Amino acid sequence: MGEARFDDVIHAPMRLRICGLLRPVDRIDFAVLRDTLEVSDATLSKHVKTLVAASYVVSDKAASPERGDARRVMWLSLTPVGRAAFDSHIQALRDIAGTS
């Protein structure tokens, strides 16, 4: 793991949870993330916009093979910069907790 660095953008509880859910996967459906976090579309959108502005998350709209209609699904992914920042933040938390 890289250098430990506390990150105020990631540290907000909802954004920490978003990054934690995105970290082990390539991408996740916005609706699945919303339902998992038990928040509204507006709440999730607000936090995703902050993560996108920091270049930590990217969103992509694409057709979903599971859908029977033409609506597209918004997929969210951590960027390589976002993965590194999340890992660094988690290491900083471990250092603070004395569990490194």
N, C-alpha and C. Protein backbone atom coordinates (compact mmCIF):
# COMPACT_ATOMS: atom_id res chain seq x y z
N MET A 1 0.85 -1.18 0.00
CA MET A 1 0.00 0.00 0.00
C MET A 1 0.89 1.24 0.00
N GLY A 2 0.43 2.32 -0.60
CA GLY A 2 1.22 3.55 -0.71
C GLY A 2 1.29 4.31 0.59
N GLU A 3 1.70 5.54 0.47
CA GLU A 3 1.86 6.42 1.62
C GLU A 3 0.49 6.74 2.23
N ALA A 4 0.44 6.76 3.55
CA ALA A 4 -0.80 7.09 4.26
C ALA A 4 -1.06 8.58 4.14
N ARG A 5 -2.29 8.94 3.76
CA ARG A 5 -2.65 10.35 3.66
C ARG A 5 -4.13 10.49 3.99
N PHE A 6 -4.42 11.25 5.05
CA PHE A 6 -5.80 11.53 5.44
C PHE A 6 -6.43 12.41 4.35
N ASP A 7 -7.63 12.07 3.93
CA ASP A 7 -8.29 12.78 2.82
C ASP A 7 -9.65 13.28 3.29
N ASP A 8 -9.79 14.60 3.41
CA ASP A 8 -11.05 15.19 3.88
C ASP A 8 -12.21 14.91 2.93
N VAL A 9 -11.96 14.80 1.63
CA VAL A 9 -13.04 14.53 0.68
C VAL A 9 -13.60 13.14 0.93
N ILE A 10 -12.74 12.16 1.09
CA ILE A 10 -13.19 10.78 1.30
C ILE A 10 -13.72 10.57 2.71
N HIS A 11 -13.20 11.29 3.69
CA HIS A 11 -13.52 11.00 5.08
C HIS A 11 -14.97 11.23 5.48
N ALA A 12 -15.69 12.10 4.79
CA ALA A 12 -17.11 12.30 5.12
C ALA A 12 -17.79 10.93 5.12
N PRO A 13 -18.57 10.60 6.16
CA PRO A 13 -19.09 9.24 6.31
C PRO A 13 -19.74 8.64 5.06
N MET A 14 -20.59 9.39 4.38
CA MET A 14 -21.26 8.83 3.20
C MET A 14 -20.27 8.58 2.07
N ARG A 15 -19.33 9.51 1.87
CA ARG A 15 -18.35 9.33 0.80
C ARG A 15 -17.38 8.19 1.13
N LEU A 16 -17.07 8.00 2.39
CA LEU A 16 -16.22 6.88 2.81
C LEU A 16 -16.93 5.56 2.49
N ARG A 17 -18.22 5.50 2.77
CA ARG A 17 -18.99 4.30 2.48
C ARG A 17 -19.09 4.06 0.97
N ILE A 18 -19.31 5.13 0.20
CA ILE A 18 -19.38 5.00 -1.26
C ILE A 18 -18.07 4.43 -1.79
N CYS A 19 -16.96 5.02 -1.39
CA CYS A 19 -15.65 4.54 -1.85
C CYS A 19 -15.40 3.11 -1.40
N GLY A 20 -15.80 2.79 -0.18
CA GLY A 20 -15.62 1.44 0.32
C GLY A 20 -16.40 0.41 -0.48
N LEU A 21 -17.58 0.78 -0.94
CA LEU A 21 -18.38 -0.14 -1.75
C LEU A 21 -17.86 -0.23 -3.18
N LEU A 22 -17.30 0.87 -3.69
CA LEU A 22 -16.77 0.86 -5.05
C LEU A 22 -15.39 0.19 -5.13
N ARG A 23 -14.64 0.22 -4.05
CA ARG A 23 -13.24 -0.25 -4.10
C ARG A 23 -13.07 -1.68 -4.60
N PRO A 24 -13.88 -2.65 -4.15
CA PRO A 24 -13.62 -4.03 -4.58
C PRO A 24 -14.23 -4.41 -5.94
N VAL A 25 -14.94 -3.50 -6.59
CA VAL A 25 -15.62 -3.83 -7.84
C VAL A 25 -15.14 -2.93 -8.98
N ASP A 26 -15.38 -3.37 -10.21
CA ASP A 26 -15.04 -2.54 -11.36
C ASP A 26 -16.01 -1.37 -11.48
N ARG A 27 -17.29 -1.65 -11.26
CA ARG A 27 -18.32 -0.62 -11.33
C ARG A 27 -19.56 -1.11 -10.62
N ILE A 28 -20.44 -0.15 -10.28
CA ILE A 28 -21.70 -0.52 -9.61
C ILE A 28 -22.80 0.39 -10.13
N ASP A 29 -23.97 -0.14 -10.24
CA ASP A 29 -25.16 0.58 -10.69
C ASP A 29 -25.55 1.60 -9.62
N PHE A 30 -25.84 2.83 -10.05
CA PHE A 30 -26.24 3.91 -9.14
C PHE A 30 -27.38 3.45 -8.23
N ALA A 31 -28.39 2.81 -8.82
CA ALA A 31 -29.56 2.39 -8.03
C ALA A 31 -29.19 1.34 -6.98
N VAL A 32 -28.29 0.43 -7.32
CA VAL A 32 -27.85 -0.58 -6.37
C VAL A 32 -27.09 0.09 -5.22
N LEU A 33 -26.23 1.04 -5.56
CA LEU A 33 -25.48 1.77 -4.54
C LEU A 33 -26.43 2.54 -3.63
N ARG A 34 -27.40 3.23 -4.24
CA ARG A 34 -28.41 3.99 -3.48
C ARG A 34 -29.16 3.09 -2.52
N ASP A 35 -29.61 1.94 -3.01
CA ASP A 35 -30.38 1.02 -2.17
C ASP A 35 -29.51 0.41 -1.07
N THR A 36 -28.27 0.10 -1.39
CA THR A 36 -27.36 -0.47 -0.39
C THR A 36 -27.10 0.52 0.73
N LEU A 37 -26.93 1.79 0.37
CA LEU A 37 -26.66 2.84 1.35
C LEU A 37 -27.94 3.34 2.04
N GLU A 38 -29.09 2.98 1.48
CA GLU A 38 -30.40 3.41 2.00
C GLU A 38 -30.50 4.93 2.07
N VAL A 39 -30.18 5.58 0.93
CA VAL A 39 -30.28 7.03 0.81
C VAL A 39 -31.11 7.38 -0.42
N SER A 40 -31.48 8.65 -0.51
CA SER A 40 -32.24 9.12 -1.67
C SER A 40 -31.32 9.33 -2.87
N ASP A 41 -31.92 9.42 -4.05
CA ASP A 41 -31.15 9.75 -5.25
C ASP A 41 -30.40 11.06 -5.05
N ALA A 42 -31.09 12.06 -4.48
CA ALA A 42 -30.48 13.38 -4.31
C ALA A 42 -29.27 13.33 -3.38
N THR A 43 -29.37 12.59 -2.29
CA THR A 43 -28.25 12.47 -1.34
C THR A 43 -27.07 11.80 -2.01
N LEU A 44 -27.32 10.68 -2.69
CA LEU A 44 -26.22 9.99 -3.35
C LEU A 44 -25.61 10.85 -4.45
N SER A 45 -26.46 11.51 -5.23
CA SER A 45 -25.96 12.38 -6.31
C SER A 45 -25.04 13.47 -5.77
N LYS A 46 -25.42 14.08 -4.66
CA LYS A 46 -24.61 15.15 -4.06
C LYS A 46 -23.21 14.64 -3.72
N HIS A 47 -23.13 13.48 -3.09
CA HIS A 47 -21.83 12.94 -2.69
C HIS A 47 -21.03 12.44 -3.89
N VAL A 48 -21.71 11.87 -4.87
CA VAL A 48 -21.02 11.42 -6.08
C VAL A 48 -20.44 12.62 -6.82
N LYS A 49 -21.17 13.72 -6.88
CA LYS A 49 -20.65 14.93 -7.55
C LYS A 49 -19.37 15.42 -6.89
N THR A 50 -19.31 15.36 -5.58
CA THR A 50 -18.10 15.77 -4.86
C THR A 50 -16.94 14.85 -5.22
N LEU A 51 -17.20 13.55 -5.28
CA LEU A 51 -16.15 12.58 -5.62
C LEU A 51 -15.72 12.72 -7.09
N VAL A 52 -16.67 13.02 -7.96
CA VAL A 52 -16.34 13.25 -9.38
C VAL A 52 -15.48 14.50 -9.52
N ALA A 53 -15.84 15.56 -8.80
CA ALA A 53 -15.07 16.81 -8.86
C ALA A 53 -13.64 16.62 -8.39
N ALA A 54 -13.43 15.68 -7.48
CA ALA A 54 -12.08 15.38 -6.98
C ALA A 54 -11.35 14.38 -7.89
N SER A 55 -12.00 13.96 -8.97
CA SER A 55 -11.46 12.96 -9.91
C SER A 55 -11.31 11.58 -9.28
N TYR A 56 -12.10 11.29 -8.25
CA TYR A 56 -12.05 10.00 -7.58
C TYR A 56 -13.05 9.00 -8.16
N VAL A 57 -14.12 9.50 -8.76
CA VAL A 57 -15.18 8.64 -9.30
C VAL A 57 -15.53 9.12 -10.70
N VAL A 58 -15.86 8.17 -11.56
CA VAL A 58 -16.40 8.48 -12.88
C VAL A 58 -17.76 7.81 -13.01
N SER A 59 -18.63 8.43 -13.79
CA SER A 59 -19.93 7.84 -14.05
C SER A 59 -20.08 7.64 -15.55
N ASP A 60 -20.84 6.62 -15.90
CA ASP A 60 -21.05 6.27 -17.29
C ASP A 60 -22.46 5.72 -17.43
N LYS A 61 -23.19 6.23 -18.41
CA LYS A 61 -24.53 5.70 -18.64
C LYS A 61 -24.46 4.70 -19.78
N ALA A 62 -25.03 3.54 -19.55
CA ALA A 62 -25.01 2.49 -20.57
C ALA A 62 -26.26 1.64 -20.44
N ALA A 63 -26.61 0.99 -21.53
CA ALA A 63 -27.75 0.07 -21.51
C ALA A 63 -27.41 -1.10 -20.59
N SER A 64 -28.44 -1.63 -19.98
CA SER A 64 -28.26 -2.78 -19.10
C SER A 64 -28.97 -3.98 -19.72
N PRO A 65 -28.28 -5.09 -19.86
CA PRO A 65 -28.93 -6.28 -20.45
C PRO A 65 -30.09 -6.80 -19.61
N GLU A 66 -30.11 -6.45 -18.32
CA GLU A 66 -31.19 -6.93 -17.45
C GLU A 66 -32.49 -6.14 -17.63
N ARG A 67 -32.39 -4.94 -18.23
CA ARG A 67 -33.57 -4.10 -18.40
C ARG A 67 -34.31 -4.47 -19.68
N GLY A 68 -35.62 -4.44 -19.60
CA GLY A 68 -36.42 -4.74 -20.78
C GLY A 68 -36.79 -3.51 -21.58
N ASP A 69 -36.41 -2.33 -21.08
CA ASP A 69 -36.75 -1.10 -21.78
C ASP A 69 -35.47 -0.40 -22.24
N ALA A 70 -35.64 0.77 -22.83
CA ALA A 70 -34.48 1.48 -23.42
C ALA A 70 -33.75 2.37 -22.42
N ARG A 71 -34.27 2.46 -21.19
CA ARG A 71 -33.60 3.33 -20.21
C ARG A 71 -32.19 2.83 -19.94
N ARG A 72 -31.34 3.79 -19.70
CA ARG A 72 -29.94 3.46 -19.47
C ARG A 72 -29.63 3.51 -17.98
N VAL A 73 -28.64 2.75 -17.59
CA VAL A 73 -28.22 2.65 -16.20
C VAL A 73 -26.99 3.51 -15.99
N MET A 74 -26.95 4.23 -14.85
CA MET A 74 -25.75 4.99 -14.51
C MET A 74 -24.83 4.08 -13.71
N TRP A 75 -23.63 3.87 -14.24
CA TRP A 75 -22.62 3.06 -13.58
C TRP A 75 -21.61 3.98 -12.93
N LEU A 76 -21.14 3.63 -11.75
CA LEU A 76 -20.13 4.41 -11.04
C LEU A 76 -18.90 3.55 -10.80
N SER A 77 -17.73 4.16 -10.95
CA SER A 77 -16.47 3.46 -10.74
C SER A 77 -15.49 4.38 -10.05
N LEU A 78 -14.62 3.79 -9.23
CA LEU A 78 -13.48 4.55 -8.71
C LEU A 78 -12.45 4.67 -9.82
N THR A 79 -11.85 5.83 -9.95
CA THR A 79 -10.75 6.02 -10.88
C THR A 79 -9.48 5.46 -10.25
N PRO A 80 -8.41 5.29 -11.02
CA PRO A 80 -7.14 4.89 -10.39
C PRO A 80 -6.71 5.89 -9.31
N VAL A 81 -6.93 7.18 -9.55
CA VAL A 81 -6.61 8.20 -8.54
C VAL A 81 -7.49 8.00 -7.31
N GLY A 82 -8.76 7.69 -7.52
CA GLY A 82 -9.68 7.45 -6.40
C GLY A 82 -9.31 6.23 -5.60
N ARG A 83 -8.90 5.16 -6.28
CA ARG A 83 -8.47 3.94 -5.58
C ARG A 83 -7.24 4.22 -4.71
N ALA A 84 -6.29 4.94 -5.29
CA ALA A 84 -5.07 5.27 -4.54
C ALA A 84 -5.39 6.16 -3.35
N ALA A 85 -6.26 7.15 -3.55
CA ALA A 85 -6.63 8.06 -2.46
C ALA A 85 -7.37 7.30 -1.35
N PHE A 86 -8.28 6.41 -1.73
CA PHE A 86 -9.02 5.63 -0.74
C PHE A 86 -8.06 4.73 0.05
N ASP A 87 -7.20 4.02 -0.65
CA ASP A 87 -6.24 3.14 0.03
C ASP A 87 -5.35 3.93 0.97
N SER A 88 -4.91 5.10 0.53
CA SER A 88 -4.05 5.96 1.34
C SER A 88 -4.80 6.45 2.58
N HIS A 89 -6.07 6.81 2.40
CA HIS A 89 -6.89 7.29 3.51
C HIS A 89 -7.11 6.17 4.53
N ILE A 90 -7.40 4.97 4.05
CA ILE A 90 -7.60 3.83 4.96
C ILE A 90 -6.32 3.56 5.74
N GLN A 91 -5.17 3.65 5.08
CA GLN A 91 -3.90 3.45 5.77
C GLN A 91 -3.70 4.53 6.85
N ALA A 92 -4.08 5.78 6.53
CA ALA A 92 -3.96 6.85 7.52
C ALA A 92 -4.86 6.56 8.72
N LEU A 93 -6.06 6.05 8.49
CA LEU A 93 -6.96 5.70 9.59
C LEU A 93 -6.37 4.56 10.42
N ARG A 94 -5.75 3.60 9.77
CA ARG A 94 -5.10 2.51 10.50
C ARG A 94 -3.96 3.05 11.36
N ASP A 95 -3.20 3.99 10.80
CA ASP A 95 -2.09 4.60 11.55
C ASP A 95 -2.64 5.33 12.78
N ILE A 96 -3.72 6.07 12.60
CA ILE A 96 -4.34 6.80 13.71
C ILE A 96 -4.80 5.83 14.79
N ALA A 97 -5.41 4.71 14.34
CA ALA A 97 -5.95 3.72 15.27
C ALA A 97 -4.85 2.83 15.87
N GLY A 98 -3.66 2.93 15.31
CA GLY A 98 -2.57 2.10 15.80
C GLY A 98 -2.69 0.65 15.39
N THR A 99 -3.35 0.40 14.25
CA THR A 99 -3.53 -0.97 13.78
C THR A 99 -2.82 -1.23 12.47
N SER A 100 -1.83 -0.45 12.14
CA SER A 100 -1.11 -0.63 10.86
C SER A 100 -0.39 -1.96 10.81
